[in-house]
Amino acid sequence: MKGNSKYRKPIGLFSIVLSSTLWGQVPAANLGNHETPIPTVATPAESLPSSSPDRPEDSSFVIGNNDVLEINVWKEPKLTRSIPVRSDGKISLPLMGEVQAAGRTPSQLEQETVAKLENYIAKPKVTVIVEQVNSKKVNILGQVAKPGSYSIALAPTVVDAIATAGGLLDFAKPKAIYILRPNRSGGESRITFNYKELIKGRN
């Protein structure tokens, strides 16, 4: 993808980088007592390197509904703008009309935009940057203060996810947190996460 932003290493030992909405669940064995662990959510196999939590620069990133895009057309300020992807997955651009954005990578959207603009501009140069990732969510369930669905921009790591959800409750089991990650094959991977060891700088 075009752009000069440098990638930032994900903070924390366990990064949460999503390409789709994911979920965690409470183990059935723990539902009847007060020692429910805090499930948090991690990623599918695809990673999302970024210069900031809400600015993905990786060519494999797929644009989704409600993401905010910066469309930059070189030397054409009237065509350059920041625009959200609508719920139907499209954006409206001058000269080009309706353009499908959701389901495409920024590079693919750049190429289509260039092809459409060639009817009006000689050798257009277009850069597409994802300014905000609003389509990627983590679902945080269990013994946290505010369980629910959160934007990946707010919770790029497991520790961030716990903090965003208001922290652990008194009856949480910080040694028994786990992460569910959907696999490309359709199954799920379960990853254990020991919060106590992490904050002590271990493992």
N, C-alpha and C. Protein backbone atom coordinates (compact mmCIF):
# COMPACT_ATOMS: atom_id res chain seq x y z
N MET A 1 0.84 -1.18 0.00
CA MET A 1 0.00 0.00 0.00
C MET A 1 0.87 1.23 0.00
N LYS A 2 0.42 2.32 -0.59
CA LYS A 2 1.17 3.54 -0.63
C LYS A 2 1.07 4.23 0.72
N GLY A 3 2.06 5.07 1.03
CA GLY A 3 2.04 5.80 2.28
C GLY A 3 3.38 5.73 2.95
N ASN A 4 3.70 6.71 3.80
CA ASN A 4 5.01 6.78 4.40
C ASN A 4 5.01 6.45 5.88
N SER A 5 3.88 6.03 6.45
CA SER A 5 3.81 5.75 7.87
C SER A 5 4.66 4.54 8.22
N LYS A 6 5.37 4.62 9.35
CA LYS A 6 6.16 3.49 9.82
C LYS A 6 5.30 2.62 10.72
N TYR A 7 5.53 1.30 10.64
CA TYR A 7 4.75 0.40 11.47
C TYR A 7 5.18 0.54 12.92
N ARG A 8 4.24 0.38 13.84
CA ARG A 8 4.56 0.37 15.25
C ARG A 8 4.36 -1.04 15.77
N LYS A 9 5.32 -1.53 16.55
CA LYS A 9 5.19 -2.85 17.14
C LYS A 9 4.01 -2.86 18.09
N PRO A 10 3.14 -3.91 18.07
CA PRO A 10 2.03 -3.98 19.01
C PRO A 10 2.55 -4.01 20.43
N ILE A 11 1.92 -3.26 21.35
CA ILE A 11 2.39 -3.24 22.71
C ILE A 11 1.86 -4.43 23.46
N GLY A 12 2.56 -4.82 24.54
CA GLY A 12 2.14 -5.96 25.33
C GLY A 12 2.63 -7.25 24.72
N LEU A 13 2.50 -8.33 25.50
CA LEU A 13 2.98 -9.62 25.04
C LEU A 13 2.01 -10.29 24.09
N PHE A 14 0.74 -9.96 24.21
CA PHE A 14 -0.27 -10.60 23.39
C PHE A 14 -1.05 -9.53 22.66
N SER A 15 -0.89 -9.44 21.36
CA SER A 15 -1.59 -8.43 20.58
C SER A 15 -2.94 -8.95 20.14
N ILE A 16 -3.93 -8.08 20.11
CA ILE A 16 -5.25 -8.40 19.59
C ILE A 16 -5.40 -7.64 18.29
N VAL A 17 -5.28 -8.33 17.17
CA VAL A 17 -5.35 -7.68 15.87
C VAL A 17 -6.34 -8.44 15.01
N LEU A 18 -7.45 -7.81 14.68
CA LEU A 18 -8.58 -8.54 14.13
C LEU A 18 -8.85 -8.23 12.68
N SER A 19 -9.35 -9.22 11.96
CA SER A 19 -9.83 -8.97 10.61
C SER A 19 -11.32 -9.22 10.49
N SER A 20 -11.91 -9.60 11.66
CA SER A 20 -13.36 -9.78 11.67
C SER A 20 -13.81 -9.72 13.11
N THR A 21 -15.13 -9.63 13.37
CA THR A 21 -15.64 -9.61 14.73
C THR A 21 -15.47 -10.98 15.36
N LEU A 22 -14.87 -11.02 16.57
CA LEU A 22 -14.57 -12.27 17.24
C LEU A 22 -15.29 -12.33 18.58
N TRP A 23 -15.17 -13.47 19.27
CA TRP A 23 -15.90 -13.57 20.52
C TRP A 23 -15.16 -14.47 21.49
N GLY A 24 -15.45 -14.28 22.79
CA GLY A 24 -14.94 -15.15 23.84
C GLY A 24 -16.13 -15.73 24.58
N GLN A 25 -15.90 -16.79 25.34
CA GLN A 25 -17.02 -17.35 26.08
C GLN A 25 -16.54 -17.83 27.43
N VAL A 26 -17.49 -17.91 28.38
CA VAL A 26 -17.19 -18.40 29.71
C VAL A 26 -17.32 -19.91 29.72
N PRO A 27 -16.33 -20.65 30.25
CA PRO A 27 -16.43 -22.10 30.29
C PRO A 27 -17.65 -22.53 31.09
N ALA A 28 -18.36 -23.53 30.60
CA ALA A 28 -19.59 -23.97 31.24
C ALA A 28 -19.35 -24.42 32.67
N ALA A 29 -18.17 -25.00 32.95
CA ALA A 29 -17.88 -25.51 34.29
C ALA A 29 -17.83 -24.39 35.32
N ASN A 30 -17.64 -23.18 34.90
CA ASN A 30 -17.49 -22.07 35.85
C ASN A 30 -18.73 -21.19 35.96
N LEU A 31 -19.76 -21.48 35.23
CA LEU A 31 -20.91 -20.59 35.20
C LEU A 31 -21.67 -20.58 36.52
N GLY A 32 -21.57 -21.64 37.30
CA GLY A 32 -22.36 -21.73 38.51
C GLY A 32 -21.68 -21.22 39.75
N ASN A 33 -20.47 -20.71 39.69
CA ASN A 33 -19.79 -20.23 40.88
C ASN A 33 -19.34 -18.80 40.69
N HIS A 34 -18.54 -18.30 41.64
CA HIS A 34 -18.10 -16.91 41.59
C HIS A 34 -16.66 -16.80 41.16
N GLU A 35 -16.15 -17.80 40.47
CA GLU A 35 -14.76 -17.75 40.06
C GLU A 35 -14.63 -17.86 38.55
N THR A 36 -15.51 -17.18 37.87
CA THR A 36 -15.49 -17.19 36.42
C THR A 36 -14.25 -16.45 35.91
N PRO A 37 -13.45 -17.06 35.05
CA PRO A 37 -12.30 -16.35 34.51
C PRO A 37 -12.74 -15.27 33.53
N ILE A 38 -11.82 -14.41 33.16
CA ILE A 38 -12.11 -13.34 32.22
C ILE A 38 -11.70 -13.79 30.84
N PRO A 39 -12.62 -14.19 29.99
CA PRO A 39 -12.21 -14.46 28.63
C PRO A 39 -12.01 -13.13 27.91
N THR A 40 -10.97 -13.03 27.17
CA THR A 40 -10.82 -11.91 26.28
C THR A 40 -10.67 -12.49 24.89
N VAL A 41 -10.47 -11.64 23.93
CA VAL A 41 -10.54 -12.10 22.56
C VAL A 41 -9.26 -11.78 21.83
N ALA A 42 -8.79 -12.71 21.04
CA ALA A 42 -7.62 -12.44 20.21
C ALA A 42 -7.98 -12.56 18.77
N THR A 43 -6.99 -12.93 17.96
CA THR A 43 -7.08 -12.64 16.56
C THR A 43 -7.23 -13.89 15.73
N PRO A 44 -7.70 -13.72 14.51
CA PRO A 44 -7.54 -14.78 13.56
C PRO A 44 -6.09 -14.84 13.15
N ALA A 45 -5.78 -15.73 12.20
CA ALA A 45 -4.38 -15.92 11.85
C ALA A 45 -3.76 -14.70 11.21
N GLU A 46 -4.57 -13.83 10.63
CA GLU A 46 -4.02 -12.65 9.97
C GLU A 46 -3.65 -11.60 11.00
N SER A 47 -2.51 -10.93 10.80
CA SER A 47 -2.11 -9.87 11.71
C SER A 47 -2.37 -8.52 11.07
N LEU A 48 -2.32 -7.49 11.93
CA LEU A 48 -2.65 -6.16 11.44
C LEU A 48 -1.60 -5.18 11.91
N PRO A 49 -0.39 -5.16 11.30
CA PRO A 49 0.59 -4.18 11.70
C PRO A 49 0.08 -2.79 11.41
N SER A 50 0.42 -1.83 12.27
CA SER A 50 -0.09 -0.49 12.08
C SER A 50 0.83 0.54 12.69
N SER A 51 0.73 1.77 12.18
CA SER A 51 1.50 2.86 12.73
C SER A 51 0.85 3.40 13.98
N SER A 52 -0.42 3.10 14.20
CA SER A 52 -1.15 3.41 15.42
C SER A 52 -2.30 2.44 15.47
N PRO A 53 -2.97 2.28 16.65
CA PRO A 53 -4.03 1.27 16.72
C PRO A 53 -5.13 1.45 15.70
N ASP A 54 -5.33 2.66 15.19
CA ASP A 54 -6.45 2.88 14.26
C ASP A 54 -5.97 3.22 12.86
N ARG A 55 -4.69 2.91 12.52
CA ARG A 55 -4.21 3.21 11.18
C ARG A 55 -3.48 2.01 10.59
N PRO A 56 -4.21 1.02 10.11
CA PRO A 56 -3.55 -0.14 9.53
C PRO A 56 -2.85 0.21 8.22
N GLU A 57 -1.66 -0.34 8.03
CA GLU A 57 -0.92 -0.07 6.80
C GLU A 57 -0.61 -1.36 6.05
N ASP A 58 -1.05 -2.49 6.57
CA ASP A 58 -0.71 -3.76 5.96
C ASP A 58 -1.58 -4.01 4.73
N SER A 59 -0.96 -4.55 3.68
CA SER A 59 -1.69 -4.76 2.42
C SER A 59 -2.77 -5.82 2.54
N SER A 60 -2.74 -6.64 3.60
CA SER A 60 -3.77 -7.68 3.77
C SER A 60 -5.00 -7.17 4.51
N PHE A 61 -4.94 -5.96 5.05
CA PHE A 61 -6.08 -5.42 5.79
C PHE A 61 -7.27 -5.22 4.85
N VAL A 62 -8.44 -5.65 5.30
CA VAL A 62 -9.65 -5.55 4.49
C VAL A 62 -10.55 -4.47 5.10
N ILE A 63 -10.93 -3.51 4.29
CA ILE A 63 -11.78 -2.41 4.73
C ILE A 63 -13.17 -2.94 5.08
N GLY A 64 -13.77 -2.38 6.12
CA GLY A 64 -15.11 -2.79 6.54
C GLY A 64 -16.04 -1.61 6.68
N ASN A 65 -17.31 -1.90 6.91
CA ASN A 65 -18.30 -0.84 7.13
C ASN A 65 -17.92 0.02 8.33
N ASN A 66 -18.14 1.31 8.19
CA ASN A 66 -17.90 2.30 9.24
C ASN A 66 -16.44 2.67 9.43
N ASP A 67 -15.53 2.02 8.72
CA ASP A 67 -14.14 2.48 8.74
C ASP A 67 -14.08 3.86 8.08
N VAL A 68 -13.16 4.70 8.53
CA VAL A 68 -13.00 6.03 7.96
C VAL A 68 -11.75 6.04 7.07
N LEU A 69 -11.92 6.44 5.82
CA LEU A 69 -10.84 6.42 4.84
C LEU A 69 -10.41 7.83 4.48
N GLU A 70 -9.13 7.98 4.25
CA GLU A 70 -8.61 9.22 3.68
C GLU A 70 -8.26 8.93 2.22
N ILE A 71 -8.96 9.56 1.31
CA ILE A 71 -8.71 9.42 -0.12
C ILE A 71 -7.91 10.64 -0.57
N ASN A 72 -6.68 10.43 -0.95
CA ASN A 72 -5.81 11.53 -1.34
C ASN A 72 -5.48 11.42 -2.83
N VAL A 73 -5.92 12.41 -3.60
CA VAL A 73 -5.62 12.47 -5.03
C VAL A 73 -4.59 13.58 -5.23
N TRP A 74 -3.42 13.20 -5.67
CA TRP A 74 -2.29 14.13 -5.77
C TRP A 74 -2.61 15.32 -6.67
N LYS A 75 -2.38 16.51 -6.14
CA LYS A 75 -2.61 17.77 -6.84
C LYS A 75 -4.08 18.01 -7.20
N GLU A 76 -4.97 17.32 -6.51
CA GLU A 76 -6.41 17.51 -6.74
C GLU A 76 -7.11 17.68 -5.39
N PRO A 77 -6.94 18.84 -4.75
CA PRO A 77 -7.51 19.04 -3.40
C PRO A 77 -9.03 18.89 -3.35
N LYS A 78 -9.72 19.18 -4.44
CA LYS A 78 -11.18 19.05 -4.44
C LYS A 78 -11.62 17.59 -4.41
N LEU A 79 -10.73 16.70 -4.79
CA LEU A 79 -11.06 15.27 -4.78
C LEU A 79 -10.52 14.56 -3.55
N THR A 80 -9.68 15.25 -2.80
CA THR A 80 -9.08 14.67 -1.60
C THR A 80 -10.00 14.90 -0.41
N ARG A 81 -10.26 13.85 0.34
CA ARG A 81 -11.20 13.97 1.45
C ARG A 81 -11.11 12.79 2.41
N SER A 82 -11.65 13.00 3.60
CA SER A 82 -11.82 11.94 4.59
C SER A 82 -13.28 11.54 4.57
N ILE A 83 -13.56 10.24 4.46
CA ILE A 83 -14.94 9.80 4.26
C ILE A 83 -15.17 8.44 4.94
N PRO A 84 -16.30 8.28 5.63
CA PRO A 84 -16.61 6.99 6.26
C PRO A 84 -17.23 6.02 5.25
N VAL A 85 -16.98 4.75 5.46
CA VAL A 85 -17.62 3.71 4.65
C VAL A 85 -19.04 3.51 5.19
N ARG A 86 -20.03 3.62 4.31
CA ARG A 86 -21.42 3.51 4.74
C ARG A 86 -21.75 2.07 5.12
N SER A 87 -22.95 1.91 5.71
CA SER A 87 -23.39 0.58 6.14
C SER A 87 -23.60 -0.37 4.97
N ASP A 88 -23.74 0.18 3.75
CA ASP A 88 -23.86 -0.69 2.57
C ASP A 88 -22.49 -1.01 1.97
N GLY A 89 -21.42 -0.55 2.62
CA GLY A 89 -20.07 -0.88 2.16
C GLY A 89 -19.52 0.04 1.10
N LYS A 90 -20.26 1.11 0.76
CA LYS A 90 -19.83 1.99 -0.33
C LYS A 90 -19.44 3.37 0.18
N ILE A 91 -18.72 4.10 -0.66
CA ILE A 91 -18.41 5.50 -0.44
C ILE A 91 -18.79 6.27 -1.70
N SER A 92 -19.07 7.56 -1.53
CA SER A 92 -19.41 8.42 -2.67
C SER A 92 -18.28 9.40 -2.90
N LEU A 93 -17.75 9.43 -4.13
CA LEU A 93 -16.62 10.30 -4.46
C LEU A 93 -16.95 11.16 -5.68
N PRO A 94 -16.44 12.38 -5.73
CA PRO A 94 -16.68 13.24 -6.90
C PRO A 94 -16.18 12.57 -8.17
N LEU A 95 -16.89 12.77 -9.26
CA LEU A 95 -16.58 12.23 -10.59
C LEU A 95 -16.84 10.73 -10.69
N MET A 96 -16.63 10.02 -9.60
CA MET A 96 -16.71 8.55 -9.66
C MET A 96 -18.04 8.00 -9.19
N GLY A 97 -18.77 8.77 -8.38
CA GLY A 97 -20.04 8.29 -7.85
C GLY A 97 -19.85 7.25 -6.77
N GLU A 98 -20.69 6.21 -6.79
CA GLU A 98 -20.65 5.16 -5.77
C GLU A 98 -19.49 4.20 -6.04
N VAL A 99 -18.70 3.95 -5.00
CA VAL A 99 -17.57 3.04 -5.13
C VAL A 99 -17.63 2.03 -3.98
N GLN A 100 -17.52 0.75 -4.31
CA GLN A 100 -17.51 -0.29 -3.28
C GLN A 100 -16.17 -0.27 -2.56
N ALA A 101 -16.20 -0.10 -1.23
CA ALA A 101 -14.97 -0.05 -0.43
C ALA A 101 -14.84 -1.26 0.48
N ALA A 102 -15.93 -1.63 1.15
CA ALA A 102 -15.88 -2.76 2.08
C ALA A 102 -15.55 -4.05 1.34
N GLY A 103 -14.71 -4.86 1.96
CA GLY A 103 -14.31 -6.12 1.35
C GLY A 103 -13.08 -6.00 0.48
N ARG A 104 -12.52 -4.81 0.36
CA ARG A 104 -11.33 -4.59 -0.46
C ARG A 104 -10.19 -4.07 0.41
N THR A 105 -8.99 -4.30 -0.03
CA THR A 105 -7.84 -3.73 0.65
C THR A 105 -7.65 -2.29 0.20
N PRO A 106 -6.93 -1.47 0.95
CA PRO A 106 -6.66 -0.11 0.50
C PRO A 106 -5.99 -0.08 -0.88
N SER A 107 -5.08 -1.01 -1.13
CA SER A 107 -4.41 -1.05 -2.44
C SER A 107 -5.40 -1.32 -3.57
N GLN A 108 -6.33 -2.24 -3.34
CA GLN A 108 -7.33 -2.54 -4.36
C GLN A 108 -8.23 -1.33 -4.61
N LEU A 109 -8.59 -0.63 -3.53
CA LEU A 109 -9.42 0.55 -3.69
C LEU A 109 -8.66 1.66 -4.42
N GLU A 110 -7.38 1.77 -4.15
CA GLU A 110 -6.55 2.74 -4.88
C GLU A 110 -6.58 2.46 -6.38
N GLN A 111 -6.38 1.19 -6.74
CA GLN A 111 -6.34 0.82 -8.16
C GLN A 111 -7.66 1.12 -8.85
N GLU A 112 -8.77 0.81 -8.19
CA GLU A 112 -10.08 1.07 -8.80
C GLU A 112 -10.33 2.57 -8.94
N THR A 113 -9.91 3.32 -7.92
CA THR A 113 -10.10 4.77 -7.97
C THR A 113 -9.28 5.38 -9.11
N VAL A 114 -8.05 4.91 -9.26
CA VAL A 114 -7.20 5.38 -10.37
C VAL A 114 -7.87 5.09 -11.71
N ALA A 115 -8.37 3.86 -11.86
CA ALA A 115 -9.00 3.47 -13.13
C ALA A 115 -10.20 4.35 -13.46
N LYS A 116 -10.99 4.71 -12.44
CA LYS A 116 -12.16 5.55 -12.68
C LYS A 116 -11.76 6.99 -13.00
N LEU A 117 -10.71 7.48 -12.33
CA LEU A 117 -10.30 8.87 -12.53
C LEU A 117 -9.57 9.09 -13.85
N GLU A 118 -9.07 8.02 -14.44
CA GLU A 118 -8.35 8.16 -15.71
C GLU A 118 -9.25 8.71 -16.82
N ASN A 119 -10.56 8.61 -16.63
CA ASN A 119 -11.49 9.17 -17.61
C ASN A 119 -11.56 10.69 -17.52
N TYR A 120 -11.02 11.25 -16.41
CA TYR A 120 -11.13 12.69 -16.20
C TYR A 120 -9.78 13.37 -15.97
N ILE A 121 -8.80 12.62 -15.45
CA ILE A 121 -7.51 13.21 -15.08
C ILE A 121 -6.39 12.40 -15.73
N ALA A 122 -5.39 13.09 -16.22
CA ALA A 122 -4.24 12.40 -16.81
C ALA A 122 -3.33 11.85 -15.72
N LYS A 123 -3.10 10.56 -15.75
CA LYS A 123 -2.21 9.88 -14.83
C LYS A 123 -2.48 10.24 -13.36
N PRO A 124 -3.67 9.95 -12.87
CA PRO A 124 -3.98 10.27 -11.47
C PRO A 124 -3.16 9.42 -10.51
N LYS A 125 -2.79 10.02 -9.40
CA LYS A 125 -2.07 9.31 -8.34
C LYS A 125 -2.94 9.36 -7.08
N VAL A 126 -3.30 8.17 -6.58
CA VAL A 126 -4.25 8.08 -5.48
C VAL A 126 -3.64 7.28 -4.32
N THR A 127 -3.85 7.79 -3.12
CA THR A 127 -3.46 7.07 -1.91
C THR A 127 -4.68 6.89 -1.03
N VAL A 128 -4.89 5.68 -0.55
CA VAL A 128 -6.00 5.39 0.36
C VAL A 128 -5.41 4.97 1.70
N ILE A 129 -5.77 5.69 2.75
CA ILE A 129 -5.30 5.39 4.11
C ILE A 129 -6.52 5.15 4.99
N VAL A 130 -6.47 4.11 5.80
CA VAL A 130 -7.54 3.86 6.77
C VAL A 130 -7.24 4.69 8.00
N GLU A 131 -8.01 5.74 8.22
CA GLU A 131 -7.78 6.64 9.35
C GLU A 131 -8.30 6.06 10.65
N GLN A 132 -9.44 5.41 10.60
CA GLN A 132 -10.04 4.82 11.79
C GLN A 132 -10.59 3.44 11.47
N VAL A 133 -10.29 2.48 12.33
CA VAL A 133 -10.82 1.13 12.16
C VAL A 133 -12.01 1.00 13.10
N ASN A 134 -13.21 1.10 12.55
CA ASN A 134 -14.43 0.98 13.34
C ASN A 134 -15.15 -0.34 13.08
N SER A 135 -14.70 -1.08 12.07
CA SER A 135 -15.40 -2.31 11.71
C SER A 135 -14.87 -3.53 12.47
N LYS A 136 -13.71 -3.41 13.09
CA LYS A 136 -13.11 -4.55 13.79
C LYS A 136 -13.38 -4.46 15.28
N LYS A 137 -13.92 -5.52 15.84
CA LYS A 137 -14.36 -5.50 17.23
C LYS A 137 -13.75 -6.65 18.02
N VAL A 138 -13.64 -6.44 19.33
CA VAL A 138 -13.35 -7.54 20.26
C VAL A 138 -14.52 -7.62 21.22
N ASN A 139 -14.95 -8.84 21.51
CA ASN A 139 -16.02 -9.05 22.48
C ASN A 139 -15.41 -9.59 23.77
N ILE A 140 -15.61 -8.88 24.86
CA ILE A 140 -14.97 -9.22 26.13
C ILE A 140 -16.06 -9.66 27.10
N LEU A 141 -16.01 -10.92 27.55
CA LEU A 141 -17.05 -11.49 28.39
C LEU A 141 -16.45 -12.03 29.68
N GLY A 142 -17.30 -12.23 30.68
CA GLY A 142 -16.85 -12.82 31.93
C GLY A 142 -16.78 -11.79 33.05
N GLN A 143 -15.87 -12.00 34.00
CA GLN A 143 -15.80 -11.19 35.21
C GLN A 143 -14.98 -9.92 35.01
N VAL A 144 -15.51 -9.03 34.15
CA VAL A 144 -14.96 -7.68 33.99
C VAL A 144 -16.07 -6.70 34.33
N ALA A 145 -15.69 -5.45 34.61
CA ALA A 145 -16.68 -4.47 35.04
C ALA A 145 -17.69 -4.13 33.95
N LYS A 146 -17.22 -4.05 32.70
CA LYS A 146 -18.10 -3.63 31.61
C LYS A 146 -17.94 -4.58 30.42
N PRO A 147 -18.47 -5.80 30.51
CA PRO A 147 -18.37 -6.72 29.37
C PRO A 147 -19.10 -6.15 28.17
N GLY A 148 -18.61 -6.48 26.98
CA GLY A 148 -19.26 -5.99 25.78
C GLY A 148 -18.35 -6.03 24.58
N SER A 149 -18.78 -5.36 23.52
CA SER A 149 -18.03 -5.32 22.26
C SER A 149 -17.33 -3.97 22.16
N TYR A 150 -16.02 -4.00 21.83
CA TYR A 150 -15.23 -2.78 21.77
C TYR A 150 -14.44 -2.72 20.46
N SER A 151 -14.19 -1.51 20.02
CA SER A 151 -13.38 -1.31 18.82
C SER A 151 -11.96 -1.76 19.05
N ILE A 152 -11.35 -2.39 18.05
CA ILE A 152 -9.96 -2.81 18.16
C ILE A 152 -9.03 -1.61 18.36
N ALA A 153 -9.46 -0.42 17.94
CA ALA A 153 -8.66 0.78 18.15
C ALA A 153 -8.49 1.08 19.63
N LEU A 154 -9.47 0.66 20.46
CA LEU A 154 -9.40 0.88 21.90
C LEU A 154 -8.71 -0.25 22.62
N ALA A 155 -8.62 -1.42 22.00
CA ALA A 155 -8.10 -2.60 22.68
C ALA A 155 -7.19 -3.41 21.77
N PRO A 156 -6.01 -2.87 21.41
CA PRO A 156 -5.13 -3.60 20.51
C PRO A 156 -4.40 -4.77 21.16
N THR A 157 -4.38 -4.85 22.51
CA THR A 157 -3.75 -5.98 23.20
C THR A 157 -4.73 -6.53 24.23
N VAL A 158 -4.42 -7.69 24.78
CA VAL A 158 -5.28 -8.29 25.79
C VAL A 158 -5.36 -7.40 27.03
N VAL A 159 -4.23 -6.85 27.45
CA VAL A 159 -4.22 -5.96 28.62
C VAL A 159 -5.07 -4.73 28.35
N ASP A 160 -4.97 -4.16 27.14
CA ASP A 160 -5.80 -3.02 26.78
C ASP A 160 -7.28 -3.39 26.83
N ALA A 161 -7.60 -4.61 26.37
CA ALA A 161 -8.99 -5.06 26.35
C ALA A 161 -9.55 -5.13 27.77
N ILE A 162 -8.76 -5.68 28.70
CA ILE A 162 -9.20 -5.78 30.09
C ILE A 162 -9.41 -4.38 30.68
N ALA A 163 -8.47 -3.48 30.42
CA ALA A 163 -8.59 -2.12 30.93
C ALA A 163 -9.80 -1.40 30.34
N THR A 164 -10.02 -1.58 29.03
CA THR A 164 -11.15 -0.94 28.37
C THR A 164 -12.48 -1.42 28.94
N ALA A 165 -12.51 -2.69 29.34
CA ALA A 165 -13.73 -3.26 29.91
C ALA A 165 -13.85 -2.97 31.40
N GLY A 166 -13.04 -2.07 31.94
CA GLY A 166 -13.18 -1.66 33.34
C GLY A 166 -12.38 -2.45 34.34
N GLY A 167 -11.54 -3.38 33.85
CA GLY A 167 -10.70 -4.15 34.76
C GLY A 167 -11.40 -5.39 35.31
N LEU A 168 -10.63 -6.20 36.02
CA LEU A 168 -11.13 -7.46 36.57
C LEU A 168 -11.97 -7.22 37.82
N LEU A 169 -12.99 -8.03 37.99
CA LEU A 169 -13.79 -7.99 39.21
C LEU A 169 -13.15 -8.84 40.30
N ASP A 170 -13.67 -8.74 41.53
CA ASP A 170 -13.05 -9.42 42.67
C ASP A 170 -13.00 -10.93 42.51
N PHE A 171 -14.02 -11.50 41.86
CA PHE A 171 -14.07 -12.96 41.75
C PHE A 171 -13.47 -13.49 40.45
N ALA A 172 -12.81 -12.65 39.71
CA ALA A 172 -12.16 -13.10 38.48
C ALA A 172 -10.95 -13.96 38.82
N LYS A 173 -10.59 -14.83 37.91
CA LYS A 173 -9.40 -15.68 38.07
C LYS A 173 -8.35 -15.21 37.07
N PRO A 174 -7.47 -14.29 37.47
CA PRO A 174 -6.50 -13.72 36.53
C PRO A 174 -5.51 -14.72 35.96
N LYS A 175 -5.40 -15.91 36.56
CA LYS A 175 -4.52 -16.93 36.02
C LYS A 175 -5.22 -17.80 34.98
N ALA A 176 -6.53 -17.60 34.83
CA ALA A 176 -7.31 -18.50 33.96
C ALA A 176 -8.03 -17.75 32.86
N ILE A 177 -7.52 -16.61 32.46
CA ILE A 177 -8.08 -15.90 31.31
C ILE A 177 -7.78 -16.70 30.05
N TYR A 178 -8.67 -16.67 29.11
CA TYR A 178 -8.33 -17.30 27.83
C TYR A 178 -8.87 -16.50 26.66
N ILE A 179 -8.30 -16.78 25.51
CA ILE A 179 -8.58 -16.06 24.27
C ILE A 179 -9.10 -17.08 23.26
N LEU A 180 -10.13 -16.70 22.53
CA LEU A 180 -10.62 -17.55 21.45
C LEU A 180 -10.29 -16.87 20.12
N ARG A 181 -9.66 -17.62 19.25
CA ARG A 181 -9.28 -17.08 17.94
C ARG A 181 -9.83 -17.98 16.85
N PRO A 182 -10.75 -17.50 16.03
CA PRO A 182 -11.23 -18.31 14.90
C PRO A 182 -10.11 -18.61 13.92
N ASN A 183 -10.08 -19.84 13.46
CA ASN A 183 -9.08 -20.25 12.47
C ASN A 183 -9.63 -20.07 11.07
N ARG A 184 -8.73 -20.01 10.10
CA ARG A 184 -9.17 -19.89 8.71
C ARG A 184 -9.92 -21.13 8.25
N SER A 185 -9.64 -22.26 8.90
CA SER A 185 -10.30 -23.51 8.52
C SER A 185 -11.73 -23.58 9.04
N GLY A 186 -12.10 -22.65 9.93
CA GLY A 186 -13.45 -22.64 10.47
C GLY A 186 -13.54 -23.04 11.93
N GLY A 187 -12.46 -23.63 12.48
CA GLY A 187 -12.46 -23.99 13.89
C GLY A 187 -12.01 -22.84 14.76
N GLU A 188 -11.64 -23.15 16.00
CA GLU A 188 -11.19 -22.13 16.94
C GLU A 188 -9.95 -22.59 17.68
N SER A 189 -9.09 -21.66 17.99
CA SER A 189 -7.93 -21.92 18.83
C SER A 189 -8.18 -21.27 20.18
N ARG A 190 -7.81 -21.98 21.24
CA ARG A 190 -7.96 -21.44 22.59
C ARG A 190 -6.57 -21.19 23.16
N ILE A 191 -6.32 -19.96 23.57
CA ILE A 191 -5.01 -19.55 24.07
C ILE A 191 -5.17 -19.11 25.52
N THR A 192 -4.42 -19.73 26.43
CA THR A 192 -4.49 -19.32 27.83
C THR A 192 -3.65 -18.07 28.05
N PHE A 193 -4.05 -17.28 29.02
CA PHE A 193 -3.36 -16.02 29.30
C PHE A 193 -3.33 -15.80 30.80
N ASN A 194 -2.12 -15.76 31.38
CA ASN A 194 -1.95 -15.58 32.81
C ASN A 194 -1.64 -14.11 33.09
N TYR A 195 -2.65 -13.38 33.52
CA TYR A 195 -2.50 -11.94 33.74
C TYR A 195 -1.52 -11.63 34.86
N LYS A 196 -1.54 -12.46 35.93
CA LYS A 196 -0.63 -12.21 37.06
C LYS A 196 0.82 -12.32 36.65
N GLU A 197 1.13 -13.33 35.84
CA GLU A 197 2.52 -13.48 35.40
C GLU A 197 2.94 -12.34 34.49
N LEU A 198 2.03 -11.87 33.68
CA LEU A 198 2.35 -10.77 32.77
C LEU A 198 2.72 -9.51 33.55
N ILE A 199 1.90 -9.13 34.52
CA ILE A 199 2.17 -7.89 35.24
C ILE A 199 3.42 -8.01 36.12
N LYS A 200 3.85 -9.24 36.39
CA LYS A 200 5.10 -9.44 37.13
C LYS A 200 6.30 -9.54 36.20
N GLY A 201 6.04 -9.42 34.88
CA GLY A 201 7.13 -9.47 33.93
C GLY A 201 7.60 -10.87 33.60
N ARG A 202 6.77 -11.86 33.83
CA ARG A 202 7.12 -13.25 33.56
C ARG A 202 6.35 -13.79 32.37
N ASN A 203 6.90 -14.83 31.74
CA ASN A 203 6.19 -15.58 30.70
C ASN A 203 5.63 -14.66 29.64
